Structures are given as C-alpha cells and as structure tokens.
Amino acid sequence: NNHIIHVGISEKLYFGFKKINKIQIAVKEKAF
C-alpha cells in the first residue's frame, strides 16, 4: 500500500539537503 515517487531534476538544482539518520532530507526552504 506504499508508494515512492522519485522525480527528476537537473544537476544544478540538486542541492539544499542534509543527511539525518542515514537519510538525505531537504531543508524546509528547498522543499518549499
């Protein structure tokens, strides 16, 4: 019942995240 979506982005826009407990997570501003 779970769904994972990985959307594609260009290399120059691949930023704004940090690793927390083995998982890379966007900061809230980049998620916005």
PDB file of all heavy atoms in Angstrom:
ATOM      1  N   ASN A   1       0.808  -1.217   0.000  1.00  0.00           N
ATOM      2  CA  ASN A   1       0.000   0.000   0.000  1.00  0.00           C
ATOM      3  C   ASN A   1       0.842   1.268   0.000  1.00  0.00           C
ATOM      4  O   ASN A   1       0.298   2.375   0.090  1.00  0.00           O
ATOM      5  CB  ASN A   1      -0.927   0.020   1.225  1.00  0.00           C
ATOM      6  CG  ASN A   1      -1.972  -1.078   1.178  1.00  0.00           C
ATOM      7  OD1 ASN A   1      -2.475  -1.416   0.105  1.00  0.00           O
ATOM      8  ND2 ASN A   1      -2.297  -1.648   2.335  1.00  0.00           N
ATOM      9  N   ASN A   2       2.145   1.118  -0.070  1.00  0.00           N
ATOM     10  CA  ASN A   2       3.055   2.256  -0.031  1.00  0.00           C
ATOM     11  C   ASN A   2       3.485   2.658  -1.441  1.00  0.00           C
ATOM     12  O   ASN A   2       3.584   1.822  -2.337  1.00  0.00           O
ATOM     13  CB  ASN A   2       4.291   1.916   0.806  1.00  0.00           C
ATOM     14  CG  ASN A   2       3.938   1.588   2.236  1.00  0.00           C
ATOM     15  OD1 ASN A   2       3.622   2.460   3.030  1.00  0.00           O
ATOM     16  ND2 ASN A   2       3.986   0.308   2.577  1.00  0.00           N
ATOM     17  N   HIS A   3       3.744   3.944  -1.583  1.00  0.00           N
ATOM     18  CA  HIS A   3       4.111   4.472  -2.891  1.00  0.00           C
ATOM     19  C   HIS A   3       5.301   5.414  -2.738  1.00  0.00           C
ATOM     20  O   HIS A   3       5.286   6.317  -1.888  1.00  0.00           O
ATOM     21  CB  HIS A   3       2.925   5.214  -3.497  1.00  0.00           C
ATOM     22  CG  HIS A   3       3.026   5.417  -4.970  1.00  0.00           C
ATOM     23  ND1 HIS A   3       3.271   4.390  -5.861  1.00  0.00           N
ATOM     24  CD2 HIS A   3       2.920   6.541  -5.723  1.00  0.00           C
ATOM     25  CE1 HIS A   3       3.312   4.873  -7.089  1.00  0.00           C
ATOM     26  NE2 HIS A   3       3.108   6.176  -7.032  1.00  0.00           N
ATOM     27  N   ILE A   4       6.316   5.205  -3.552  1.00  0.00           N
ATOM     28  CA  ILE A   4       7.508   6.062  -3.562  1.00  0.00           C
ATOM     29  C   ILE A   4       7.641   6.680  -4.942  1.00  0.00           C
ATOM     30  O   ILE A   4       7.610   5.979  -5.953  1.00  0.00           O
ATOM     31  CB  ILE A   4       8.775   5.264  -3.207  1.00  0.00           C
ATOM     32  CG1 ILE A   4       8.693   4.746  -1.770  1.00  0.00           C
ATOM     33  CG2 ILE A   4      10.030   6.122  -3.390  1.00  0.00           C
ATOM     34  CD1 ILE A   4       9.829   3.820  -1.384  1.00  0.00           C
ATOM     35  N   ILE A   5       7.780   8.001  -4.968  1.00  0.00           N
ATOM     36  CA  ILE A   5       7.950   8.723  -6.223  1.00  0.00           C
ATOM     37  C   ILE A   5       9.285   9.454  -6.188  1.00  0.00           C
ATOM     38  O   ILE A   5       9.547  10.235  -5.276  1.00  0.00           O
ATOM     39  CB  ILE A   5       6.814   9.745  -6.439  1.00  0.00           C
ATOM     40  CG1 ILE A   5       5.454   9.050  -6.426  1.00  0.00           C
ATOM     41  CG2 ILE A   5       7.017  10.502  -7.747  1.00  0.00           C
ATOM     42  CD1 ILE A   5       4.277  10.008  -6.433  1.00  0.00           C
ATOM     43  N   HIS A   6      10.130   9.185  -7.164  1.00  0.00           N
ATOM     44  CA  HIS A   6      11.393   9.895  -7.323  1.00  0.00           C
ATOM     45  C   HIS A   6      11.294  10.763  -8.572  1.00  0.00           C
ATOM     46  O   HIS A   6      11.288  10.245  -9.687  1.00  0.00           O
ATOM     47  CB  HIS A   6      12.557   8.915  -7.474  1.00  0.00           C
ATOM     48  CG  HIS A   6      12.909   8.208  -6.208  1.00  0.00           C
ATOM     49  ND1 HIS A   6      13.789   7.144  -6.172  1.00  0.00           N
ATOM     50  CD2 HIS A   6      12.515   8.411  -4.928  1.00  0.00           C
ATOM     51  CE1 HIS A   6      13.917   6.729  -4.921  1.00  0.00           C
ATOM     52  NE2 HIS A   6      13.157   7.483  -4.155  1.00  0.00           N
ATOM     53  N   VAL A   7      11.169  12.061  -8.371  1.00  0.00           N
ATOM     54  CA  VAL A   7      11.090  12.955  -9.524  1.00  0.00           C
ATOM     55  C   VAL A   7      12.497  13.358  -9.946  1.00  0.00           C
ATOM     56  O   VAL A   7      13.422  13.388  -9.133  1.00  0.00           O
ATOM     57  CB  VAL A   7      10.239  14.206  -9.224  1.00  0.00           C
ATOM     58  CG1 VAL A   7       8.821  13.808  -8.828  1.00  0.00           C
ATOM     59  CG2 VAL A   7      10.871  15.058  -8.131  1.00  0.00           C
ATOM     60  N   GLY A   8      12.656  13.661 -11.225  1.00  0.00           N
ATOM     61  CA  GLY A   8      13.964  14.004 -11.760  1.00  0.00           C
ATOM     62  C   GLY A   8      14.193  15.507 -11.790  1.00  0.00           C
ATOM     63  O   GLY A   8      13.282  16.294 -12.040  1.00  0.00           O
ATOM     64  N   ILE A   9      15.429  15.885 -11.503  1.00  0.00           N
ATOM     65  CA  ILE A   9      15.805  17.292 -11.507  1.00  0.00           C
ATOM     66  C   ILE A   9      17.191  17.422 -12.114  1.00  0.00           C
ATOM     67  O   ILE A   9      17.951  16.450 -12.173  1.00  0.00           O
ATOM     68  CB  ILE A   9      15.766  17.851 -10.063  1.00  0.00           C
ATOM     69  CG1 ILE A   9      15.542  19.371 -10.056  1.00  0.00           C
ATOM     70  CG2 ILE A   9      17.028  17.489  -9.297  1.00  0.00           C
ATOM     71  CD1 ILE A   9      15.186  19.920  -8.696  1.00  0.00           C
ATOM     72  N   SER A  10      17.517  18.600 -12.593  1.00  0.00           N
ATOM     73  CA  SER A  10      18.836  18.805 -13.199  1.00  0.00           C
ATOM     74  C   SER A  10      19.921  18.855 -12.124  1.00  0.00           C
ATOM     75  O   SER A  10      19.652  19.143 -10.953  1.00  0.00           O
ATOM     76  CB  SER A  10      18.855  20.103 -14.014  1.00  0.00           C
ATOM     77  OG  SER A  10      18.693  21.223 -13.172  1.00  0.00           O
ATOM     78  N   GLU A  11      21.131  18.591 -12.532  1.00  0.00           N
ATOM     79  CA  GLU A  11      22.248  18.543 -11.587  1.00  0.00           C
ATOM     80  C   GLU A  11      22.450  19.871 -10.864  1.00  0.00           C
ATOM     81  O   GLU A  11      22.793  19.901  -9.674  1.00  0.00           O
ATOM     82  CB  GLU A  11      23.534  18.140 -12.323  1.00  0.00           C
ATOM     83  CG  GLU A  11      24.709  17.874 -11.409  1.00  0.00           C
ATOM     84  CD  GLU A  11      25.896  17.284 -12.141  1.00  0.00           C
ATOM     85  OE1 GLU A  11      25.756  16.939 -13.329  1.00  0.00           O
ATOM     86  OE2 GLU A  11      26.970  17.169 -11.507  1.00  0.00           O
ATOM     87  N   LYS A  12      22.225  20.993 -11.550  1.00  0.00           N
ATOM     88  CA  LYS A  12      22.463  22.306 -10.931  1.00  0.00           C
ATOM     89  C   LYS A  12      21.431  22.629  -9.843  1.00  0.00           C
ATOM     90  O   LYS A  12      21.662  23.521  -9.019  1.00  0.00           O
ATOM     91  CB  LYS A  12      22.466  23.405 -11.984  1.00  0.00           C
ATOM     92  CG  LYS A  12      21.141  23.632 -12.678  1.00  0.00           C
ATOM     93  CD  LYS A  12      21.259  24.744 -13.711  1.00  0.00           C
ATOM     94  CE  LYS A  12      19.935  24.980 -14.442  1.00  0.00           C
ATOM     95  NZ  LYS A  12      20.051  26.049 -15.459  1.00  0.00           N
ATOM     96  N   LEU A  13      20.301  21.901  -9.844  1.00  0.00           N
ATOM     97  CA  LEU A  13      19.280  22.126  -8.820  1.00  0.00           C
ATOM     98  C   LEU A  13      19.305  21.063  -7.730  1.00  0.00           C
ATOM     99  O   LEU A  13      18.426  21.018  -6.871  1.00  0.00           O
ATOM    100  CB  LEU A  13      17.890  22.173  -9.465  1.00  0.00           C
ATOM    101  CG  LEU A  13      17.673  23.284 -10.497  1.00  0.00           C
ATOM    102  CD1 LEU A  13      16.251  23.236 -11.045  1.00  0.00           C
ATOM    103  CD2 LEU A  13      17.967  24.661  -9.894  1.00  0.00           C
ATOM    104  N   TYR A  14      20.330  20.241  -7.771  1.00  0.00           N
ATOM    105  CA  TYR A  14      20.494  19.175  -6.787  1.00  0.00           C
ATOM    106  C   TYR A  14      21.298  19.731  -5.602  1.00  0.00           C
ATOM    107  O   TYR A  14      22.528  19.652  -5.549  1.00  0.00           O
ATOM    108  CB  TYR A  14      21.209  17.990  -7.444  1.00  0.00           C
ATOM    109  CG  TYR A  14      21.466  16.801  -6.545  1.00  0.00           C
ATOM    110  CD1 TYR A  14      20.438  15.936  -6.189  1.00  0.00           C
ATOM    111  CD2 TYR A  14      22.751  16.526  -6.075  1.00  0.00           C
ATOM    112  CE1 TYR A  14      20.687  14.840  -5.380  1.00  0.00           C
ATOM    113  CE2 TYR A  14      23.012  15.427  -5.273  1.00  0.00           C
ATOM    114  CZ  TYR A  14      21.976  14.593  -4.930  1.00  0.00           C
ATOM    115  OH  TYR A  14      22.220  13.498  -4.125  1.00  0.00           O
ATOM    116  N   PHE A  15      20.596  20.339  -4.669  1.00  0.00           N
ATOM    117  CA  PHE A  15      21.242  20.948  -3.500  1.00  0.00           C
ATOM    118  C   PHE A  15      20.166  21.165  -2.435  1.00  0.00           C
ATOM    119  O   PHE A  15      18.986  20.871  -2.627  1.00  0.00           O
ATOM    120  CB  PHE A  15      21.889  22.283  -3.878  1.00  0.00           C
ATOM    121  CG  PHE A  15      20.909  23.349  -4.285  1.00  0.00           C
ATOM    122  CD1 PHE A  15      20.340  24.202  -3.351  1.00  0.00           C
ATOM    123  CD2 PHE A  15      20.536  23.495  -5.619  1.00  0.00           C
ATOM    124  CE1 PHE A  15      19.420  25.172  -3.730  1.00  0.00           C
ATOM    125  CE2 PHE A  15      19.628  24.463  -6.009  1.00  0.00           C
ATOM    126  CZ  PHE A  15      19.058  25.303  -5.058  1.00  0.00           C
ATOM    127  N   GLY A  16      20.588  21.702  -1.289  1.00  0.00           N
ATOM    128  CA  GLY A  16      19.633  22.084  -0.258  1.00  0.00           C
ATOM    129  C   GLY A  16      19.116  20.944   0.593  1.00  0.00           C
ATOM    130  O   GLY A  16      17.955  20.954   1.002  1.00  0.00           O
ATOM    131  N   PHE A  17      19.960  19.984   0.910  1.00  0.00           N
ATOM    132  CA  PHE A  17      19.539  18.866   1.755  1.00  0.00           C
ATOM    133  C   PHE A  17      20.666  18.470   2.695  1.00  0.00           C
ATOM    134  O   PHE A  17      21.822  18.853   2.504  1.00  0.00           O
ATOM    135  CB  PHE A  17      19.124  17.659   0.905  1.00  0.00           C
ATOM    136  CG  PHE A  17      20.174  17.202  -0.068  1.00  0.00           C
ATOM    137  CD1 PHE A  17      21.147  16.287   0.298  1.00  0.00           C
ATOM    138  CD2 PHE A  17      20.208  17.699  -1.367  1.00  0.00           C
ATOM    139  CE1 PHE A  17      22.122  15.862  -0.589  1.00  0.00           C
ATOM    140  CE2 PHE A  17      21.180  17.292  -2.266  1.00  0.00           C
ATOM    141  CZ  PHE A  17      22.130  16.379  -1.887  1.00  0.00           C
ATOM    142  N   LYS A  18      20.321  17.724   3.725  1.00  0.00           N
ATOM    143  CA  LYS A  18      21.320  17.237   4.677  1.00  0.00           C
ATOM    144  C   LYS A  18      20.981  15.802   5.055  1.00  0.00           C
ATOM    145  O   LYS A  18      19.835  15.345   4.876  1.00  0.00           O
ATOM    146  CB  LYS A  18      21.348  18.125   5.920  1.00  0.00           C
ATOM    147  CG  LYS A  18      20.003  18.331   6.578  1.00  0.00           C
ATOM    148  CD  LYS A  18      20.086  19.384   7.674  1.00  0.00           C
ATOM    149  CE  LYS A  18      18.704  19.683   8.259  1.00  0.00           C
ATOM    150  NZ  LYS A  18      18.767  20.733   9.302  1.00  0.00           N
ATOM    151  N   LYS A  19      21.953  15.092   5.569  1.00  0.00           N
ATOM    152  CA  LYS A  19      21.734  13.690   5.936  1.00  0.00           C
ATOM    153  C   LYS A  19      21.386  13.593   7.414  1.00  0.00           C
ATOM    154  O   LYS A  19      22.116  14.089   8.274  1.00  0.00           O
ATOM    155  CB  LYS A  19      22.966  12.846   5.616  1.00  0.00           C
ATOM    156  CG  LYS A  19      22.778  11.365   5.915  1.00  0.00           C
ATOM    157  CD  LYS A  19      23.879  10.508   5.313  1.00  0.00           C
ATOM    158  CE  LYS A  19      23.682  10.305   3.827  1.00  0.00           C
ATOM    159  NZ  LYS A  19      24.602   9.287   3.257  1.00  0.00           N
ATOM    160  N   ILE A  20      20.251  12.956   7.701  1.00  0.00           N
ATOM    161  CA  ILE A  20      19.794  12.748   9.067  1.00  0.00           C
ATOM    162  C   ILE A  20      19.448  11.271   9.227  1.00  0.00           C
ATOM    163  O   ILE A  20      18.566  10.756   8.541  1.00  0.00           O
ATOM    164  CB  ILE A  20      18.550  13.606   9.381  1.00  0.00           C
ATOM    165  CG1 ILE A  20      18.853  15.093   9.153  1.00  0.00           C
ATOM    166  CG2 ILE A  20      18.083  13.369  10.811  1.00  0.00           C
ATOM    167  CD1 ILE A  20      17.631  15.995   9.296  1.00  0.00           C
ATOM    168  N   ASN A  21      20.155  10.607  10.131  1.00  0.00           N
ATOM    169  CA  ASN A  21      19.914   9.169  10.376  1.00  0.00           C
ATOM    170  C   ASN A  21      19.923   8.357   9.084  1.00  0.00           C
ATOM    171  O   ASN A  21      18.979   7.609   8.789  1.00  0.00           O
ATOM    172  CB  ASN A  21      18.592   8.967  11.114  1.00  0.00           C
ATOM    173  CG  ASN A  21      18.590   9.571  12.502  1.00  0.00           C
ATOM    174  OD1 ASN A  21      19.628   9.605  13.180  1.00  0.00           O
ATOM    175  ND2 ASN A  21      17.446  10.070  12.937  1.00  0.00           N
ATOM    176  N   LYS A  22      20.957   8.541   8.287  1.00  0.00           N
ATOM    177  CA  LYS A  22      21.198   7.789   7.052  1.00  0.00           C
ATOM    178  C   LYS A  22      20.296   8.209   5.886  1.00  0.00           C
ATOM    179  O   LYS A  22      20.345   7.596   4.821  1.00  0.00           O
ATOM    180  CB  LYS A  22      21.036   6.273   7.276  1.00  0.00           C
ATOM    181  CG  LYS A  22      21.919   5.679   8.360  1.00  0.00           C
ATOM    182  CD  LYS A  22      21.633   4.194   8.516  1.00  0.00           C
ATOM    183  CE  LYS A  22      22.453   3.577   9.644  1.00  0.00           C
ATOM    184  NZ  LYS A  22      22.146   2.133   9.806  1.00  0.00           N
ATOM    185  N   ILE A  23      19.482   9.247   6.094  1.00  0.00           N
ATOM    186  CA  ILE A  23      18.529   9.649   5.058  1.00  0.00           C
ATOM    187  C   ILE A  23      18.793  11.092   4.646  1.00  0.00           C
ATOM    188  O   ILE A  23      18.901  11.977   5.502  1.00  0.00           O
ATOM    189  CB  ILE A  23      17.085   9.515   5.569  1.00  0.00           C
ATOM    190  CG1 ILE A  23      16.812   8.087   6.062  1.00  0.00           C
ATOM    191  CG2 ILE A  23      16.090   9.884   4.467  1.00  0.00           C
ATOM    192  CD1 ILE A  23      15.523   7.950   6.841  1.00  0.00           C
ATOM    193  N   GLN A  24      18.903  11.331   3.347  1.00  0.00           N
ATOM    194  CA  GLN A  24      19.087  12.685   2.844  1.00  0.00           C
ATOM    195  C   GLN A  24      17.724  13.376   2.774  1.00  0.00           C
ATOM    196  O   GLN A  24      16.805  12.885   2.116  1.00  0.00           O
ATOM    197  CB  GLN A  24      19.763  12.665   1.468  1.00  0.00           C
ATOM    198  CG  GLN A  24      21.179  12.135   1.526  1.00  0.00           C
ATOM    199  CD  GLN A  24      21.931  12.254   0.219  1.00  0.00           C
ATOM    200  OE1 GLN A  24      23.157  12.317   0.214  1.00  0.00           O
ATOM    201  NE2 GLN A  24      21.231  12.300  -0.900  1.00  0.00           N
ATOM    202  N   ILE A  25      17.618  14.512   3.473  1.00  0.00           N
ATOM    203  CA  ILE A  25      16.343  15.216   3.595  1.00  0.00           C
ATOM    204  C   ILE A  25      16.542  16.687   3.267  1.00  0.00           C
ATOM    205  O   ILE A  25      17.473  17.325   3.755  1.00  0.00           O
ATOM    206  CB  ILE A  25      15.768  15.064   5.017  1.00  0.00           C
ATOM    207  CG1 ILE A  25      15.552  13.579   5.345  1.00  0.00           C
ATOM    208  CG2 ILE A  25      14.472  15.841   5.162  1.00  0.00           C
ATOM    209  CD1 ILE A  25      15.075  13.325   6.754  1.00  0.00           C
ATOM    210  N   ALA A  26      15.662  17.220   2.445  1.00  0.00           N
ATOM    211  CA  ALA A  26      15.741  18.630   2.072  1.00  0.00           C
ATOM    212  C   ALA A  26      15.488  19.519   3.291  1.00  0.00           C
ATOM    213  O   ALA A  26      14.692  19.179   4.170  1.00  0.00           O
ATOM    214  CB  ALA A  26      14.712  18.953   0.984  1.00  0.00           C
ATOM    215  N   VAL A  27      16.178  20.660   3.339  1.00  0.00           N
ATOM    216  CA  VAL A  27      15.803  21.667   4.330  1.00  0.00           C
ATOM    217  C   VAL A  27      14.449  22.214   3.896  1.00  0.00           C
ATOM    218  O   VAL A  27      14.065  22.116   2.725  1.00  0.00           O
ATOM    219  CB  VAL A  27      16.852  22.786   4.421  1.00  0.00           C
ATOM    220  CG1 VAL A  27      18.206  22.217   4.845  1.00  0.00           C
ATOM    221  CG2 VAL A  27      16.988  23.539   3.108  1.00  0.00           C
ATOM    222  N   LYS A  28      13.708  22.779   4.813  1.00  0.00           N
ATOM    223  CA  LYS A  28      12.325  23.164   4.509  1.00  0.00           C
ATOM    224  C   LYS A  28      12.236  24.199   3.388  1.00  0.00           C
ATOM    225  O   LYS A  28      11.279  24.189   2.602  1.00  0.00           O
ATOM    226  CB  LYS A  28      11.609  23.654   5.760  1.00  0.00           C
ATOM    227  CG  LYS A  28      12.216  24.854   6.456  1.00  0.00           C
ATOM    228  CD  LYS A  28      11.438  25.169   7.730  1.00  0.00           C
ATOM    229  CE  LYS A  28      11.933  26.420   8.433  1.00  0.00           C
ATOM    230  NZ  LYS A  28      13.313  26.250   8.960  1.00  0.00           N
ATOM    231  N   GLU A  29      13.238  25.062   3.279  1.00  0.00           N
ATOM    232  CA  GLU A  29      13.223  26.070   2.214  1.00  0.00           C
ATOM    233  C   GLU A  29      13.380  25.430   0.839  1.00  0.00           C
ATOM    234  O   GLU A  29      12.739  25.839  -0.124  1.00  0.00           O
ATOM    235  CB  GLU A  29      14.322  27.118   2.454  1.00  0.00           C
ATOM    236  CG  GLU A  29      14.079  28.047   3.622  1.00  0.00           C
ATOM    237  CD  GLU A  29      14.328  27.403   4.979  1.00  0.00           C
ATOM    238  OE1 GLU A  29      14.994  26.328   5.016  1.00  0.00           O
ATOM    239  OE2 GLU A  29      13.873  27.948   5.997  1.00  0.00           O
ATOM    240  N   LYS A  30      14.230  24.393   0.741  1.00  0.00           N
ATOM    241  CA  LYS A  30      14.393  23.709  -0.549  1.00  0.00           C
ATOM    242  C   LYS A  30      13.156  22.866  -0.856  1.00  0.00           C
ATOM    243  O   LYS A  30      12.731  22.769  -2.021  1.00  0.00           O
ATOM    244  CB  LYS A  30      15.643  22.825  -0.522  1.00  0.00           C
ATOM    245  CG  LYS A  30      15.960  22.161  -1.871  1.00  0.00           C
ATOM    246  CD  LYS A  30      16.095  23.180  -2.996  1.00  0.00           C
ATOM    247  CE  LYS A  30      16.789  22.638  -4.227  1.00  0.00           C
ATOM    248  NZ  LYS A  30      16.142  21.501  -4.856  1.00  0.00           N
ATOM    249  N   ALA A  31      12.558  22.265   0.168  1.00  0.00           N
ATOM    250  CA  ALA A  31      11.329  21.507  -0.047  1.00  0.00           C
ATOM    251  C   ALA A  31      10.225  22.430  -0.561  1.00  0.00           C
ATOM    252  O   ALA A  31       9.433  22.053  -1.431  1.00  0.00           O
ATOM    253  CB  ALA A  31      10.894  20.838   1.255  1.00  0.00           C
ATOM    254  N   PHE A  32      10.180  23.640  -0.039  1.00  0.00           N
ATOM    255  CA  PHE A  32       9.210  24.636  -0.498  1.00  0.00           C
ATOM    256  C   PHE A  32       9.458  24.996  -1.959  1.00  0.00           C
ATOM    257  O   PHE A  32       8.534  25.004  -2.782  1.00  0.00           O
ATOM    258  CB  PHE A  32       9.316  25.878   0.384  1.00  0.00           C
ATOM    259  CG  PHE A  32       8.562  27.069  -0.127  1.00  0.00           C
ATOM    260  CD1 PHE A  32       7.183  27.154   0.000  1.00  0.00           C
ATOM    261  CD2 PHE A  32       9.238  28.123  -0.737  1.00  0.00           C
ATOM    262  CE1 PHE A  32       6.490  28.261  -0.480  1.00  0.00           C
ATOM    263  CE2 PHE A  32       8.556  29.224  -1.222  1.00  0.00           C
ATOM    264  CZ  PHE A  32       7.170  29.293  -1.091  1.00  0.00           C
TER     265      PHE A  32
END
